[in-house]
């Protein structure tokens, strides 16, 4: 593929997060063909487990990958690893309603690590990140 690669780091894989992944799976070929964009899942975390891989892993296997290879969730470590990867076009997708997770935004923004933040489940409260 010669288009743009978007690296996703998804936190919260309940209804919204798992629906996002399923949508990526269903529309992967169309997005690749029509827009020359490839979505790579490089990190997933829930309250119990997390997994990160700079090369990404197949979205179709996210559940077994997390279950079999995931480590205990530590969100500070998740952000640290994600930042250390320093991947272009990275998006931190927060599907939680957690103030604790929102509190990590400042370290992402301060780092200037080219990581974008997406909050599909609520409006972005900048005061969390200050």
N, C-alpha and C. Protein backbone atom coordinates (compact mmCIF):
# COMPACT_ATOMS: atom_id res chain seq x y z
N UNK A 1 0.83 -1.18 0.00
CA UNK A 1 0.00 0.00 0.00
C UNK A 1 0.88 1.25 0.00
N UNK A 2 0.52 2.22 -0.79
CA UNK A 2 1.34 3.42 -0.90
C UNK A 2 0.69 4.64 -0.25
N UNK A 3 -0.46 4.48 0.36
CA UNK A 3 -1.15 5.62 0.97
C UNK A 3 -0.70 5.87 2.38
N UNK A 4 -1.58 6.49 3.14
CA UNK A 4 -1.29 6.88 4.52
C UNK A 4 -1.66 5.75 5.48
N UNK A 5 -0.81 5.56 6.47
CA UNK A 5 -1.09 4.60 7.53
C UNK A 5 -1.48 5.39 8.77
N UNK A 6 -2.60 5.02 9.39
CA UNK A 6 -3.05 5.64 10.63
C UNK A 6 -2.93 4.59 11.73
N UNK A 7 -2.15 4.91 12.75
CA UNK A 7 -1.88 3.98 13.85
C UNK A 7 -2.81 4.28 15.01
N UNK A 8 -3.64 3.31 15.35
CA UNK A 8 -4.65 3.50 16.39
C UNK A 8 -4.22 2.85 17.70
N UNK A 9 -4.41 3.58 18.78
CA UNK A 9 -4.19 3.09 20.14
C UNK A 9 -5.53 3.25 20.84
N UNK A 10 -6.25 2.15 21.00
CA UNK A 10 -7.64 2.18 21.44
C UNK A 10 -7.75 1.79 22.91
N UNK A 11 -8.32 2.69 23.70
CA UNK A 11 -8.53 2.45 25.12
C UNK A 11 -10.03 2.40 25.36
N UNK A 12 -10.49 1.31 25.94
CA UNK A 12 -11.92 1.10 26.15
C UNK A 12 -12.46 0.29 24.98
N UNK A 13 -12.71 -0.99 25.22
CA UNK A 13 -13.17 -1.86 24.14
C UNK A 13 -14.51 -2.50 24.46
N UNK A 14 -15.34 -1.68 25.13
CA UNK A 14 -16.71 -2.10 25.38
C UNK A 14 -17.54 -1.91 24.12
N UNK A 15 -18.74 -1.39 24.27
CA UNK A 15 -19.64 -1.22 23.13
C UNK A 15 -19.04 -0.33 22.04
N UNK A 16 -18.57 0.85 22.41
CA UNK A 16 -18.06 1.80 21.41
C UNK A 16 -16.75 1.32 20.81
N UNK A 17 -15.81 0.91 21.64
CA UNK A 17 -14.51 0.48 21.15
C UNK A 17 -14.59 -0.75 20.26
N UNK A 18 -15.36 -1.74 20.68
CA UNK A 18 -15.47 -2.95 19.85
C UNK A 18 -16.24 -2.66 18.56
N UNK A 19 -17.23 -1.74 18.61
CA UNK A 19 -17.94 -1.35 17.38
C UNK A 19 -17.00 -0.64 16.42
N UNK A 20 -16.10 0.19 16.94
CA UNK A 20 -15.12 0.87 16.10
C UNK A 20 -14.23 -0.15 15.39
N UNK A 21 -13.74 -1.12 16.13
CA UNK A 21 -12.88 -2.15 15.54
C UNK A 21 -13.64 -2.94 14.49
N UNK A 22 -14.87 -3.31 14.78
CA UNK A 22 -15.68 -4.06 13.81
C UNK A 22 -15.92 -3.24 12.55
N UNK A 23 -16.13 -1.95 12.70
CA UNK A 23 -16.33 -1.07 11.54
C UNK A 23 -15.04 -1.01 10.71
N UNK A 24 -13.91 -0.94 11.35
CA UNK A 24 -12.63 -0.95 10.64
C UNK A 24 -12.48 -2.24 9.85
N UNK A 25 -12.82 -3.35 10.47
CA UNK A 25 -12.73 -4.65 9.80
C UNK A 25 -13.65 -4.68 8.57
N UNK A 26 -14.90 -4.27 8.76
CA UNK A 26 -15.88 -4.32 7.66
C UNK A 26 -15.53 -3.39 6.51
N UNK A 27 -14.98 -2.23 6.80
CA UNK A 27 -14.75 -1.23 5.76
C UNK A 27 -13.29 -1.09 5.35
N UNK A 28 -12.47 -1.97 5.83
CA UNK A 28 -11.03 -1.89 5.59
C UNK A 28 -10.66 -1.80 4.11
N UNK A 29 -11.19 -2.71 3.30
CA UNK A 29 -10.86 -2.73 1.89
C UNK A 29 -11.36 -1.49 1.16
N UNK A 30 -12.57 -1.05 1.48
CA UNK A 30 -13.14 0.14 0.84
C UNK A 30 -12.31 1.38 1.18
N UNK A 31 -11.95 1.53 2.43
CA UNK A 31 -11.15 2.68 2.86
C UNK A 31 -9.78 2.64 2.18
N UNK A 32 -9.21 1.46 2.11
CA UNK A 32 -7.90 1.31 1.47
C UNK A 32 -7.99 1.67 -0.01
N UNK A 33 -9.02 1.17 -0.67
CA UNK A 33 -9.18 1.39 -2.11
C UNK A 33 -9.57 2.83 -2.43
N UNK A 34 -10.58 3.36 -1.74
CA UNK A 34 -11.13 4.68 -2.07
C UNK A 34 -10.29 5.84 -1.54
N UNK A 35 -9.63 5.65 -0.41
CA UNK A 35 -8.93 6.78 0.24
C UNK A 35 -7.43 6.54 0.43
N UNK A 36 -6.95 5.37 0.07
CA UNK A 36 -5.54 5.01 0.26
C UNK A 36 -5.11 5.19 1.72
N UNK A 37 -5.97 4.76 2.63
CA UNK A 37 -5.67 4.83 4.06
C UNK A 37 -5.75 3.42 4.64
N UNK A 38 -4.75 3.10 5.44
CA UNK A 38 -4.70 1.81 6.12
C UNK A 38 -4.73 2.08 7.62
N UNK A 39 -5.74 1.54 8.31
CA UNK A 39 -5.81 1.66 9.76
C UNK A 39 -5.08 0.48 10.38
N UNK A 40 -4.09 0.79 11.22
CA UNK A 40 -3.33 -0.22 11.93
C UNK A 40 -3.68 -0.12 13.41
N UNK A 41 -4.03 -1.22 14.02
CA UNK A 41 -4.26 -1.22 15.47
C UNK A 41 -2.93 -1.58 16.11
N UNK A 42 -2.36 -0.61 16.81
CA UNK A 42 -1.04 -0.78 17.43
C UNK A 42 -1.13 -0.90 18.95
N UNK A 43 -2.30 -0.64 19.51
CA UNK A 43 -2.47 -0.76 20.95
C UNK A 43 -3.93 -0.86 21.32
N UNK A 44 -4.20 -1.71 22.29
CA UNK A 44 -5.55 -1.87 22.83
C UNK A 44 -5.42 -2.03 24.34
N UNK A 45 -6.34 -1.40 25.06
CA UNK A 45 -6.35 -1.57 26.52
C UNK A 45 -7.78 -1.56 27.03
N UNK A 46 -8.01 -2.41 28.01
CA UNK A 46 -9.24 -2.33 28.80
C UNK A 46 -8.81 -2.24 30.26
N UNK A 47 -9.71 -2.42 31.17
CA UNK A 47 -9.34 -2.25 32.58
C UNK A 47 -8.43 -3.36 33.10
N UNK A 48 -8.39 -4.50 32.40
CA UNK A 48 -7.60 -5.63 32.88
C UNK A 48 -6.31 -5.85 32.12
N UNK A 49 -6.36 -5.71 30.79
CA UNK A 49 -5.20 -6.05 29.97
C UNK A 49 -4.92 -4.98 28.93
N UNK A 50 -3.68 -4.97 28.47
CA UNK A 50 -3.28 -4.07 27.40
C UNK A 50 -2.24 -4.77 26.54
N UNK A 51 -2.17 -4.34 25.29
CA UNK A 51 -1.14 -4.86 24.40
C UNK A 51 -0.78 -3.76 23.42
N UNK A 52 0.50 -3.63 23.14
CA UNK A 52 1.00 -2.65 22.18
C UNK A 52 2.01 -3.33 21.27
N UNK A 53 1.98 -2.96 20.01
CA UNK A 53 2.92 -3.49 19.03
C UNK A 53 3.09 -2.43 17.95
N UNK A 54 4.29 -1.90 17.79
CA UNK A 54 4.54 -0.83 16.83
C UNK A 54 4.22 -1.26 15.40
N UNK A 55 4.33 -2.55 15.11
CA UNK A 55 4.02 -3.05 13.77
C UNK A 55 2.52 -3.24 13.55
N UNK A 56 1.77 -3.19 14.63
CA UNK A 56 0.33 -3.41 14.54
C UNK A 56 0.00 -4.89 14.55
N UNK A 57 -1.31 -5.18 14.72
CA UNK A 57 -1.75 -6.55 14.67
C UNK A 57 -3.09 -6.60 13.96
N UNK A 58 -3.45 -7.75 13.41
CA UNK A 58 -4.68 -7.84 12.61
C UNK A 58 -5.91 -7.49 13.44
N UNK A 59 -6.73 -6.56 12.95
CA UNK A 59 -7.92 -6.18 13.71
C UNK A 59 -8.88 -7.36 13.92
N UNK A 60 -8.86 -8.31 13.01
CA UNK A 60 -9.74 -9.47 13.13
C UNK A 60 -9.39 -10.33 14.34
N UNK A 61 -8.17 -10.20 14.82
CA UNK A 61 -7.70 -11.05 15.93
C UNK A 61 -7.46 -10.27 17.21
N UNK A 62 -8.09 -9.10 17.33
CA UNK A 62 -7.77 -8.26 18.49
C UNK A 62 -8.12 -8.93 19.81
N UNK A 63 -9.25 -9.65 19.86
CA UNK A 63 -9.66 -10.26 21.13
C UNK A 63 -8.70 -11.35 21.57
N UNK A 64 -8.35 -12.25 20.66
CA UNK A 64 -7.43 -13.33 21.05
C UNK A 64 -6.03 -12.78 21.29
N UNK A 65 -5.61 -11.78 20.51
CA UNK A 65 -4.29 -11.17 20.72
C UNK A 65 -4.21 -10.56 22.11
N UNK A 66 -5.24 -9.82 22.50
CA UNK A 66 -5.26 -9.20 23.83
C UNK A 66 -5.31 -10.26 24.92
N UNK A 67 -6.18 -11.24 24.76
CA UNK A 67 -6.35 -12.27 25.78
C UNK A 67 -5.09 -13.12 25.96
N UNK A 68 -4.47 -13.51 24.85
CA UNK A 68 -3.33 -14.43 24.93
C UNK A 68 -2.00 -13.72 25.19
N UNK A 69 -1.85 -12.49 24.71
CA UNK A 69 -0.55 -11.82 24.80
C UNK A 69 -0.56 -10.54 25.63
N UNK A 70 -1.72 -10.17 26.13
CA UNK A 70 -1.82 -8.92 26.88
C UNK A 70 -1.16 -9.00 28.24
N UNK A 71 -0.73 -7.85 28.71
CA UNK A 71 -0.16 -7.74 30.05
C UNK A 71 -1.12 -6.91 30.90
N UNK A 72 -0.90 -6.92 32.21
CA UNK A 72 -1.76 -6.16 33.12
C UNK A 72 -1.76 -4.69 32.72
N UNK A 73 -2.94 -4.09 32.70
CA UNK A 73 -3.07 -2.71 32.28
C UNK A 73 -2.41 -1.75 33.26
N UNK A 74 -1.59 -0.89 32.69
CA UNK A 74 -0.96 0.22 33.40
C UNK A 74 -0.99 1.37 32.39
N UNK A 75 -1.92 2.29 32.55
CA UNK A 75 -2.12 3.32 31.53
C UNK A 75 -0.93 4.26 31.38
N UNK A 76 -0.20 4.52 32.44
CA UNK A 76 1.01 5.34 32.30
C UNK A 76 2.03 4.64 31.42
N UNK A 77 2.16 3.35 31.60
CA UNK A 77 3.08 2.57 30.76
C UNK A 77 2.57 2.49 29.33
N UNK A 78 1.25 2.38 29.15
CA UNK A 78 0.65 2.35 27.81
C UNK A 78 1.04 3.62 27.05
N UNK A 79 0.85 4.77 27.71
CA UNK A 79 1.18 6.05 27.08
C UNK A 79 2.68 6.17 26.83
N UNK A 80 3.47 5.71 27.78
CA UNK A 80 4.93 5.76 27.63
C UNK A 80 5.38 4.95 26.41
N UNK A 81 4.86 3.73 26.28
CA UNK A 81 5.23 2.88 25.14
C UNK A 81 4.75 3.50 23.82
N UNK A 82 3.51 3.96 23.82
CA UNK A 82 2.94 4.56 22.62
C UNK A 82 3.80 5.74 22.18
N UNK A 83 4.21 6.57 23.11
CA UNK A 83 5.03 7.73 22.81
C UNK A 83 6.41 7.30 22.32
N UNK A 84 6.97 6.30 22.95
CA UNK A 84 8.29 5.80 22.55
C UNK A 84 8.29 5.24 21.13
N UNK A 85 7.17 4.65 20.71
CA UNK A 85 7.06 4.15 19.33
C UNK A 85 7.29 5.29 18.33
N UNK A 86 6.80 6.49 18.68
CA UNK A 86 6.98 7.67 17.84
C UNK A 86 6.51 7.43 16.40
N UNK A 87 5.35 6.84 16.26
CA UNK A 87 4.79 6.54 14.94
C UNK A 87 4.05 7.75 14.39
N UNK A 88 4.28 8.07 13.14
CA UNK A 88 3.53 9.15 12.49
C UNK A 88 2.07 8.76 12.41
N UNK A 89 1.21 9.76 12.39
CA UNK A 89 -0.23 9.56 12.22
C UNK A 89 -0.81 8.61 13.28
N UNK A 90 -0.44 8.84 14.53
CA UNK A 90 -0.97 8.03 15.63
C UNK A 90 -2.16 8.73 16.26
N UNK A 91 -3.15 7.92 16.63
CA UNK A 91 -4.36 8.44 17.26
C UNK A 91 -4.64 7.64 18.53
N UNK A 92 -4.73 8.36 19.65
CA UNK A 92 -5.13 7.78 20.93
C UNK A 92 -6.65 7.89 20.99
N UNK A 93 -7.34 6.77 20.93
CA UNK A 93 -8.80 6.76 20.91
C UNK A 93 -9.31 6.37 22.29
N UNK A 94 -9.90 7.33 22.98
CA UNK A 94 -10.41 7.12 24.34
C UNK A 94 -11.91 6.86 24.27
N UNK A 95 -12.29 5.59 24.41
CA UNK A 95 -13.69 5.19 24.40
C UNK A 95 -14.25 5.03 25.80
N UNK A 96 -13.60 5.62 26.78
CA UNK A 96 -14.02 5.48 28.16
C UNK A 96 -14.72 6.76 28.61
N UNK A 97 -15.26 6.72 29.78
CA UNK A 97 -15.79 7.93 30.41
C UNK A 97 -14.94 8.26 31.63
N UNK A 98 -13.69 7.83 31.58
CA UNK A 98 -12.81 7.92 32.74
C UNK A 98 -12.06 9.24 32.79
N UNK A 99 -12.16 9.92 33.94
CA UNK A 99 -11.35 11.13 34.14
C UNK A 99 -9.88 10.76 34.27
N UNK A 100 -9.60 9.58 34.78
CA UNK A 100 -8.22 9.13 34.90
C UNK A 100 -7.57 9.04 33.52
N UNK A 101 -8.26 8.47 32.57
CA UNK A 101 -7.73 8.37 31.21
C UNK A 101 -7.60 9.76 30.60
N UNK A 102 -8.62 10.60 30.78
CA UNK A 102 -8.56 11.97 30.26
C UNK A 102 -7.39 12.73 30.88
N UNK A 103 -7.03 12.39 32.11
CA UNK A 103 -5.91 13.03 32.77
C UNK A 103 -4.57 12.75 32.10
N UNK A 104 -4.53 11.73 31.24
CA UNK A 104 -3.29 11.41 30.52
C UNK A 104 -3.08 12.29 29.30
N UNK A 105 -4.11 13.01 28.90
CA UNK A 105 -4.01 13.83 27.68
C UNK A 105 -2.88 14.84 27.77
N UNK A 106 -2.70 15.43 28.96
CA UNK A 106 -1.67 16.46 29.08
C UNK A 106 -0.29 15.91 28.74
N UNK A 107 0.00 14.68 29.19
CA UNK A 107 1.31 14.11 28.87
C UNK A 107 1.43 13.83 27.37
N UNK A 108 0.33 13.49 26.72
CA UNK A 108 0.37 13.30 25.28
C UNK A 108 0.57 14.62 24.55
N UNK A 109 -0.12 15.65 25.01
CA UNK A 109 -0.03 16.95 24.36
C UNK A 109 1.31 17.64 24.64
N UNK A 110 1.80 17.51 25.86
CA UNK A 110 3.08 18.12 26.23
C UNK A 110 4.23 17.49 25.47
N UNK A 111 4.10 16.22 25.20
CA UNK A 111 5.17 15.47 24.58
C UNK A 111 5.42 15.89 23.13
N UNK A 112 4.44 16.49 22.51
CA UNK A 112 4.53 16.86 21.10
C UNK A 112 4.97 15.67 20.26
N UNK A 113 4.40 14.52 20.58
CA UNK A 113 4.81 13.28 19.95
C UNK A 113 3.98 12.94 18.71
N UNK A 114 3.28 13.92 18.17
CA UNK A 114 2.46 13.71 16.98
C UNK A 114 1.34 12.71 17.21
N UNK A 115 0.86 12.63 18.43
CA UNK A 115 -0.25 11.74 18.75
C UNK A 115 -1.51 12.58 18.86
N UNK A 116 -2.50 12.23 18.08
CA UNK A 116 -3.79 12.91 18.12
C UNK A 116 -4.68 12.21 19.15
N UNK A 117 -5.68 12.91 19.63
CA UNK A 117 -6.60 12.36 20.63
C UNK A 117 -8.00 12.39 20.06
N UNK A 118 -8.70 11.26 20.19
CA UNK A 118 -10.09 11.17 19.77
C UNK A 118 -10.92 10.67 20.95
N UNK A 119 -12.04 11.34 21.19
CA UNK A 119 -12.95 10.96 22.27
C UNK A 119 -14.35 10.77 21.70
N UNK A 120 -14.65 9.62 21.16
CA UNK A 120 -15.97 9.45 20.54
C UNK A 120 -17.13 9.38 21.53
N UNK A 121 -16.85 9.17 22.81
CA UNK A 121 -17.95 8.97 23.76
C UNK A 121 -18.39 10.21 24.52
N UNK A 122 -17.66 11.32 24.37
CA UNK A 122 -18.03 12.54 25.10
C UNK A 122 -17.28 13.72 24.52
N UNK A 123 -17.70 14.93 24.86
CA UNK A 123 -16.95 16.09 24.39
C UNK A 123 -15.58 16.15 25.08
N UNK A 124 -14.62 16.70 24.40
CA UNK A 124 -13.28 16.85 24.98
C UNK A 124 -13.31 17.98 26.00
N UNK A 125 -12.95 17.67 27.22
CA UNK A 125 -12.90 18.67 28.28
C UNK A 125 -11.45 19.08 28.45
N UNK A 126 -11.10 20.20 27.88
CA UNK A 126 -9.72 20.67 27.91
C UNK A 126 -9.22 20.82 29.34
N UNK A 127 -10.11 21.13 30.27
CA UNK A 127 -9.68 21.33 31.64
C UNK A 127 -9.06 20.05 32.22
N UNK A 128 -9.43 18.88 31.70
CA UNK A 128 -8.80 17.64 32.16
C UNK A 128 -7.33 17.63 31.81
N UNK A 129 -7.00 18.23 30.68
CA UNK A 129 -5.65 18.14 30.16
C UNK A 129 -4.75 19.26 30.65
N UNK A 130 -5.26 20.17 31.43
CA UNK A 130 -4.45 21.31 31.87
C UNK A 130 -3.84 21.03 33.23
